Structures are given as C-alpha cells and as structure tokens.
Amino acid sequence: LKLIINLVKPKYFIPVHGEYRQLKLHAELAASMHGSVGSVMLIESGDVLEFDELGARKAGRVNVGRICIDSGSRADVVEDLVIKDRRHLSEDGFVLPIIAINKLTGKVEISPEIVTRGFSAGENGFMEEVRQVVVQTLGQSSEEERADYGVIKEKIRADLKRYISKQTQKRPLIMPVILEI
C-alpha cells in the first residue's frame, strides 16, 4: 500500500473497501506518509463527498442500505418480510395437505394427499404418518367444524405443525388445501 501511495501521490486519499476499522487503519497509514498524500478523508456509507475548486469536504448524508431486487428490475424491490419468508422456506420447506371433500355429504372422498417441497420426509413411513394425522384430525372434528373450511384448515395446520415439529424439529410452512368435489 505504501508503494502505491508513494508512486501515485494522491491529492485526496479516501479508503473505500473493508470494515470501518480497516478503513481507519488504511487512512492512518496514508496520513503517516507526509508529502505523499495531500488530504486523507475517512467516510462511511451514506456520506456525501463534494469536490469543488476549494477542495473536498463531507456535504451531508443520504440514506443507504441493502435492497433486494426480484426479477432484475428496480421496480420489484423485495420487502424484508418476503426475504424472511423465503429464508424460512429454504430452510424448512413446505407441506401441502390436499383434502377432497364431497360438497353434498361433507365427507372426505379419498385419502388426503401430502405434497412437500424443500422438506425432507426422512424415513419411508413418515409421510403416511403425516397423512394419518390429517385423517385423525378430520375424524375428531365435528360436522360444524368440517363445514367451516377456515376452521378445519386451521385445525389441520396446528395438528401437523405440532406433529412435524415433534418428529423432525423443523417448522415447515403448512398450507392445507380443501377441494370440493
């Protein structure tokens, strides 16, 4: 670094890469080289640096921060909640129990189907056990609860969450789907 500073002899020296402590050490190194550097300035992200005929100076601050963009367009800025949800999905995946209910009788027509993405089922019989939890929840629910899809979905979600968490120590997103046939 000293060699480059001696060869270039900058009028202004502004360290720009690294953590603050590294920037400070770099600035101190440049300042210790009398005659090689005109002015040493230590700025942080968001500081506005203004140059004119009188020299350089800090001229305020602007808000800066991390921005996550979806689809490569600045119009599609991703909120922190979306990032949190995506991180959760990537770590624990999701479980989608699909239940087909006869609209006229209110009875379950076929065995529930369990779809998973990003969630490792582990042992072979685990998905069958998950299916049985759904069947058990439906069987223990009253007709009124089964008639209200919001209530039955929440019961299935809560029971599956409890069971999966106990068996795997994971917390996948659970989204029950009820199909009327």
C-alpha atoms as a PDB file:
ATOM      1  CA  LEU A   1       0.000   0.000   0.000  1.00  0.00           C
ATOM      2  CA  LYS A   2       2.839   2.372   0.877  1.00  0.00           C
ATOM      3  CA  LEU A   3       4.474   1.759  -2.505  1.00  0.00           C
ATOM      4  CA  ILE A   4       1.276   2.560  -4.389  1.00  0.00           C
ATOM      5  CA  ILE A   5       0.695   5.699  -2.308  1.00  0.00           C
ATOM      6  CA  ASN A   6       4.301   6.859  -2.935  1.00  0.00           C
ATOM      7  CA  LEU A   7       4.020   6.225  -6.677  1.00  0.00           C
ATOM      8  CA  VAL A   8       0.600   7.845  -7.146  1.00  0.00           C
ATOM      9  CA  LYS A   9       0.979  10.718  -4.629  1.00  0.00           C
ATOM     10  CA  PRO A  10      -2.769  11.376  -4.483  1.00  0.00           C
ATOM     11  CA  LYS A  11      -4.140  14.827  -3.743  1.00  0.00           C
ATOM     12  CA  TYR A  12      -7.023  13.178  -1.856  1.00  0.00           C
ATOM     13  CA  PHE A  13      -6.875   9.768  -0.238  1.00  0.00           C
ATOM     14  CA  ILE A  14     -10.168   8.060   0.635  1.00  0.00           C
ATOM     15  CA  PRO A  15     -10.108   4.395   1.697  1.00  0.00           C
ATOM     16  CA  VAL A  16     -13.217   2.703   0.313  1.00  0.00           C
ATOM     17  CA  HIS A  17     -13.151  -1.040   0.908  1.00  0.00           C
ATOM     18  CA  GLY A  18     -13.359  -3.026   4.138  1.00  0.00           C
ATOM     19  CA  GLU A  19     -14.780  -2.732   7.617  1.00  0.00           C
ATOM     20  CA  TYR A  20     -14.569   0.597   9.406  1.00  0.00           C
ATOM     21  CA  ARG A  21     -11.525  -0.442  11.471  1.00  0.00           C
ATOM     22  CA  GLN A  22      -9.697  -1.444   8.267  1.00  0.00           C
ATOM     23  CA  LEU A  23     -10.607   1.853   6.606  1.00  0.00           C
ATOM     24  CA  LYS A  24      -9.326   3.731   9.660  1.00  0.00           C
ATOM     25  CA  LEU A  25      -6.007   1.847   9.646  1.00  0.00           C
ATOM     26  CA  HIS A  26      -5.605   2.489   5.924  1.00  0.00           C
ATOM     27  CA  ALA A  27      -6.318   6.205   6.439  1.00  0.00           C
ATOM     28  CA  GLU A  28      -3.792   6.356   9.303  1.00  0.00           C
ATOM     29  CA  LEU A  29      -1.176   4.664   7.118  1.00  0.00           C
ATOM     30  CA  ALA A  30      -1.731   7.220   4.353  1.00  0.00           C
ATOM     31  CA  ALA A  31      -1.677  10.133   6.826  1.00  0.00           C
ATOM     32  CA  SER A  32       1.662   8.933   8.229  1.00  0.00           C
ATOM     33  CA  MET A  33       3.258   9.290   4.793  1.00  0.00           C
ATOM     34  CA  HIS A  34       3.928  13.038   4.889  1.00  0.00           C
ATOM     35  CA  GLY A  35       4.469  14.571   1.489  1.00  0.00           C
ATOM     36  CA  SER A  36       2.957  11.662  -0.427  1.00  0.00           C
ATOM     37  CA  VAL A  37      -0.698  12.386   0.322  1.00  0.00           C
ATOM     38  CA  GLY A  38      -2.463  15.729   0.225  1.00  0.00           C
ATOM     39  CA  SER A  39      -5.606  15.178   2.275  1.00  0.00           C
ATOM     40  CA  VAL A  40      -6.884  11.987   3.905  1.00  0.00           C
ATOM     41  CA  MET A  41     -10.635  11.619   4.345  1.00  0.00           C
ATOM     42  CA  LEU A  42     -12.410   8.809   6.116  1.00  0.00           C
ATOM     43  CA  ILE A  43     -16.016   8.455   5.016  1.00  0.00           C
ATOM     44  CA  GLU A  44     -18.730   5.906   5.710  1.00  0.00           C
ATOM     45  CA  SER A  45     -21.502   4.512   3.544  1.00  0.00           C
ATOM     46  CA  GLY A  46     -24.034   7.262   3.009  1.00  0.00           C
ATOM     47  CA  ASP A  47     -21.624  10.187   3.441  1.00  0.00           C
ATOM     48  CA  VAL A  48     -21.789  12.670   0.567  1.00  0.00           C
ATOM     49  CA  LEU A  49     -18.384  13.869  -0.584  1.00  0.00           C
ATOM     50  CA  GLU A  50     -18.349  17.135  -2.525  1.00  0.00           C
ATOM     51  CA  PHE A  51     -15.472  18.339  -4.689  1.00  0.00           C
ATOM     52  CA  ASP A  52     -15.139  21.917  -5.942  1.00  0.00           C
ATOM     53  CA  GLU A  53     -12.386  24.479  -6.600  1.00  0.00           C
ATOM     54  CA  LEU A  54     -11.862  24.903  -2.841  1.00  0.00           C
ATOM     55  CA  GLY A  55     -11.254  21.193  -2.280  1.00  0.00           C
ATOM     56  CA  ALA A  56     -13.183  18.219  -0.957  1.00  0.00           C
ATOM     57  CA  ARG A  57     -15.464  18.026   2.054  1.00  0.00           C
ATOM     58  CA  LYS A  58     -18.285  15.992   3.537  1.00  0.00           C
ATOM     59  CA  ALA A  59     -21.563  17.546   2.470  1.00  0.00           C
ATOM     60  CA  GLY A  60     -24.171  15.591   4.389  1.00  0.00           C
ATOM     61  CA  ARG A  61     -25.593  12.098   4.377  1.00  0.00           C
ATOM     62  CA  VAL A  62     -28.041  10.083   2.343  1.00  0.00           C
ATOM     63  CA  ASN A  63     -29.993   7.013   3.411  1.00  0.00           C
ATOM     64  CA  VAL A  64     -28.338   3.838   2.248  1.00  0.00           C
ATOM     65  CA  GLY A  65     -28.925   0.195   2.907  1.00  0.00           C
ATOM     66  CA  ARG A  66     -29.360  -3.178   1.412  1.00  0.00           C
ATOM     67  CA  ILE A  67     -32.026  -3.504  -1.266  1.00  0.00           C
ATOM     68  CA  CYS A  68     -33.038  -6.904  -2.582  1.00  0.00           C
ATOM     69  CA  ILE A  69     -34.438  -6.877  -6.094  1.00  0.00           C
ATOM     70  CA  ASP A  70     -36.675  -9.512  -7.636  1.00  0.00           C
ATOM     71  CA  SER A  71     -36.565 -10.329 -11.367  1.00  0.00           C
ATOM     72  CA  GLY A  72     -33.728  -7.902 -12.098  1.00  0.00           C
ATOM     73  CA  SER A  73     -35.952  -4.808 -12.096  1.00  0.00           C
ATOM     74  CA  ARG A  74     -35.630  -1.999  -9.533  1.00  0.00           C
ATOM     75  CA  ALA A  75     -39.422  -1.774  -9.627  1.00  0.00           C
ATOM     76  CA  ASP A  76     -39.567  -5.195  -7.937  1.00  0.00           C
ATOM     77  CA  VAL A  77     -37.933  -4.326  -4.593  1.00  0.00           C
ATOM     78  CA  VAL A  78     -38.355  -7.186  -2.136  1.00  0.00           C
ATOM     79  CA  GLU A  79     -39.510  -6.373   1.390  1.00  0.00           C
ATOM     80  CA  ASP A  80     -37.766  -7.767   4.479  1.00  0.00           C
ATOM     81  CA  LEU A  81     -40.784  -9.943   5.288  1.00  0.00           C
ATOM     82  CA  VAL A  82     -40.532 -11.630   1.875  1.00  0.00           C
ATOM     83  CA  ILE A  83     -36.828 -12.297   2.452  1.00  0.00           C
ATOM     84  CA  LYS A  84     -37.646 -13.763   5.875  1.00  0.00           C
ATOM     85  CA  ASP A  85     -40.352 -15.993   4.340  1.00  0.00           C
ATOM     86  CA  ARG A  86     -38.016 -17.161   1.569  1.00  0.00           C
ATOM     87  CA  ARG A  87     -35.281 -17.946   4.084  1.00  0.00           C
ATOM     88  CA  HIS A  88     -37.813 -19.905   6.173  1.00  0.00           C
ATOM     89  CA  LEU A  89     -38.984 -21.841   3.092  1.00  0.00           C
ATOM     90  CA  SER A  90     -35.414 -22.581   2.011  1.00  0.00           C
ATOM     91  CA  GLU A  91     -34.514 -23.950   5.438  1.00  0.00           C
ATOM     92  CA  ASP A  92     -37.692 -25.858   6.344  1.00  0.00           C
ATOM     93  CA  GLY A  93     -39.723 -26.160   3.110  1.00  0.00           C
ATOM     94  CA  PHE A  94     -43.490 -26.518   2.987  1.00  0.00           C
ATOM     95  CA  VAL A  95     -46.117 -29.206   3.395  1.00  0.00           C
ATOM     96  CA  LEU A  96     -49.347 -29.077   1.415  1.00  0.00           C
ATOM     97  CA  PRO A  97     -52.044 -31.485   2.630  1.00  0.00           C
ATOM     98  CA  ILE A  98     -54.767 -31.747  -0.025  1.00  0.00           C
ATOM     99  CA  ILE A  99     -58.158 -32.974   1.154  1.00  0.00           C
ATOM    100  CA  ALA A 100     -61.023 -33.789  -1.238  1.00  0.00           C
ATOM    101  CA  ILE A 101     -64.411 -33.278   0.425  1.00  0.00           C
ATOM    102  CA  ASN A 102     -67.778 -34.112  -1.111  1.00  0.00           C
ATOM    103  CA  LYS A 103     -69.741 -30.873  -1.298  1.00  0.00           C
ATOM    104  CA  LEU A 104     -73.087 -32.593  -0.717  1.00  0.00           C
ATOM    105  CA  THR A 105     -72.223 -35.025   2.080  1.00  0.00           C
ATOM    106  CA  GLY A 106     -69.287 -33.214   3.698  1.00  0.00           C
ATOM    107  CA  LYS A 107     -67.330 -36.475   3.829  1.00  0.00           C
ATOM    108  CA  VAL A 108     -63.723 -36.989   2.788  1.00  0.00           C
ATOM    109  CA  GLU A 109     -63.822 -38.822  -0.545  1.00  0.00           C
ATOM    110  CA  ILE A 110     -60.258 -40.134  -0.816  1.00  0.00           C
ATOM    111  CA  SER A 111     -57.242 -40.362   1.428  1.00  0.00           C
ATOM    112  CA  PRO A 112     -55.566 -36.950   1.800  1.00  0.00           C
ATOM    113  CA  GLU A 113     -52.604 -36.331  -0.477  1.00  0.00           C
ATOM    114  CA  ILE A 114     -49.483 -34.797   1.062  1.00  0.00           C
ATOM    115  CA  VAL A 115     -47.249 -32.699  -1.213  1.00  0.00           C
ATOM    116  CA  THR A 116     -43.908 -31.414   0.060  1.00  0.00           C
ATOM    117  CA  ARG A 117     -41.236 -29.131  -1.363  1.00  0.00           C
ATOM    118  CA  GLY A 118     -37.937 -28.404   0.325  1.00  0.00           C
ATOM    119  CA  PHE A 119     -38.931 -30.610   3.244  1.00  0.00           C
ATOM    120  CA  SER A 120     -37.129 -33.897   3.704  1.00  0.00           C
ATOM    121  CA  ALA A 121     -39.592 -36.575   4.717  1.00  0.00           C
ATOM    122  CA  GLY A 122     -36.841 -38.680   6.259  1.00  0.00           C
ATOM    123  CA  GLU A 123     -37.928 -42.245   6.881  1.00  0.00           C
ATOM    124  CA  ASN A 124     -40.244 -44.044   4.462  1.00  0.00           C
ATOM    125  CA  GLY A 125     -43.300 -44.238   6.720  1.00  0.00           C
ATOM    126  CA  PHE A 126     -43.200 -40.609   7.818  1.00  0.00           C
ATOM    127  CA  MET A 127     -45.466 -39.280   5.042  1.00  0.00           C
ATOM    128  CA  GLU A 128     -48.004 -41.993   5.818  1.00  0.00           C
ATOM    129  CA  GLU A 129     -47.930 -40.886   9.468  1.00  0.00           C
ATOM    130  CA  VAL A 130     -48.495 -37.283   8.358  1.00  0.00           C
ATOM    131  CA  ARG A 131     -51.449 -38.452   6.262  1.00  0.00           C
ATOM    132  CA  GLN A 132     -52.842 -40.288   9.317  1.00  0.00           C
ATOM    133  CA  VAL A 133     -52.570 -37.110  11.416  1.00  0.00           C
ATOM    134  CA  VAL A 134     -54.751 -35.333   8.825  1.00  0.00           C
ATOM    135  CA  VAL A 135     -57.249 -38.228   8.756  1.00  0.00           C
ATOM    136  CA  GLN A 136     -57.331 -38.268  12.578  1.00  0.00           C
ATOM    137  CA  THR A 137     -57.909 -34.508  12.746  1.00  0.00           C
ATOM    138  CA  LEU A 138     -60.776 -34.788  10.259  1.00  0.00           C
ATOM    139  CA  GLY A 139     -62.240 -37.747  12.166  1.00  0.00           C
ATOM    140  CA  GLN A 140     -62.124 -35.943  15.517  1.00  0.00           C
ATOM    141  CA  SER A 141     -63.739 -32.793  14.108  1.00  0.00           C
ATOM    142  CA  SER A 142     -67.453 -32.132  14.393  1.00  0.00           C
ATOM    143  CA  GLU A 143     -69.652 -31.688  11.325  1.00  0.00           C
ATOM    144  CA  GLU A 144     -69.825 -27.948  12.027  1.00  0.00           C
ATOM    145  CA  GLU A 145     -66.026 -27.715  12.057  1.00  0.00           C
ATOM    146  CA  ARG A 146     -65.749 -29.717   8.828  1.00  0.00           C
ATOM    147  CA  ALA A 147     -68.361 -27.460   7.219  1.00  0.00           C
ATOM    148  CA  ASP A 148     -66.288 -24.348   8.009  1.00  0.00           C
ATOM    149  CA  TYR A 149     -63.203 -24.732   5.825  1.00  0.00           C
ATOM    150  CA  GLY A 150     -61.328 -21.981   7.648  1.00  0.00           C
ATOM    151  CA  VAL A 151     -61.703 -23.786  10.984  1.00  0.00           C
ATOM    152  CA  ILE A 152     -60.800 -27.230   9.657  1.00  0.00           C
ATOM    153  CA  LYS A 153     -57.776 -25.888   7.771  1.00  0.00           C
ATOM    154  CA  GLU A 154     -56.504 -24.247  10.953  1.00  0.00           C
ATOM    155  CA  LYS A 155     -57.021 -27.448  12.962  1.00  0.00           C
ATOM    156  CA  ILE A 156     -55.131 -29.483  10.353  1.00  0.00           C
ATOM    157  CA  ARG A 157     -52.351 -26.901  10.232  1.00  0.00           C
ATOM    158  CA  ALA A 158     -51.988 -26.808  14.025  1.00  0.00           C
ATOM    159  CA  ASP A 159     -52.008 -30.609  14.399  1.00  0.00           C
ATOM    160  CA  LEU A 160     -49.497 -31.107  11.578  1.00  0.00           C
ATOM    161  CA  LYS A 161     -47.265 -28.344  12.898  1.00  0.00           C
ATOM    162  CA  ARG A 162     -47.210 -29.968  16.329  1.00  0.00           C
ATOM    163  CA  TYR A 163     -46.563 -33.462  14.924  1.00  0.00           C
ATOM    164  CA  ILE A 164     -43.888 -32.487  12.382  1.00  0.00           C
ATOM    165  CA  SER A 165     -42.094 -30.232  14.846  1.00  0.00           C
ATOM    166  CA  LYS A 166     -42.023 -33.015  17.447  1.00  0.00           C
ATOM    167  CA  GLN A 167     -40.789 -35.637  14.966  1.00  0.00           C
ATOM    168  CA  THR A 168     -38.274 -33.599  12.928  1.00  0.00           C
ATOM    169  CA  GLN A 169     -37.517 -30.401  14.917  1.00  0.00           C
ATOM    170  CA  LYS A 170     -38.385 -28.487  11.710  1.00  0.00           C
ATOM    171  CA  ARG A 171     -41.117 -25.939  11.155  1.00  0.00           C
ATOM    172  CA  PRO A 172     -42.203 -26.125   7.516  1.00  0.00           C
ATOM    173  CA  LEU A 173     -44.893 -23.839   6.153  1.00  0.00           C
ATOM    174  CA  ILE A 174     -48.125 -25.853   6.279  1.00  0.00           C
ATOM    175  CA  MET A 175     -50.909 -24.854   3.881  1.00  0.00           C
ATOM    176  CA  PRO A 176     -53.926 -27.182   3.898  1.00  0.00           C
ATOM    177  CA  VAL A 177     -55.977 -27.152   0.695  1.00  0.00           C
ATOM    178  CA  ILE A 178     -59.583 -28.331   0.611  1.00  0.00           C
ATOM    179  CA  LEU A 179     -61.043 -29.325  -2.738  1.00  0.00           C
ATOM    180  CA  GLU A 180     -64.806 -29.533  -3.074  1.00  0.00           C
ATOM    181  CA  ILE A 181     -65.914 -32.321  -5.373  1.00  0.00           C
END
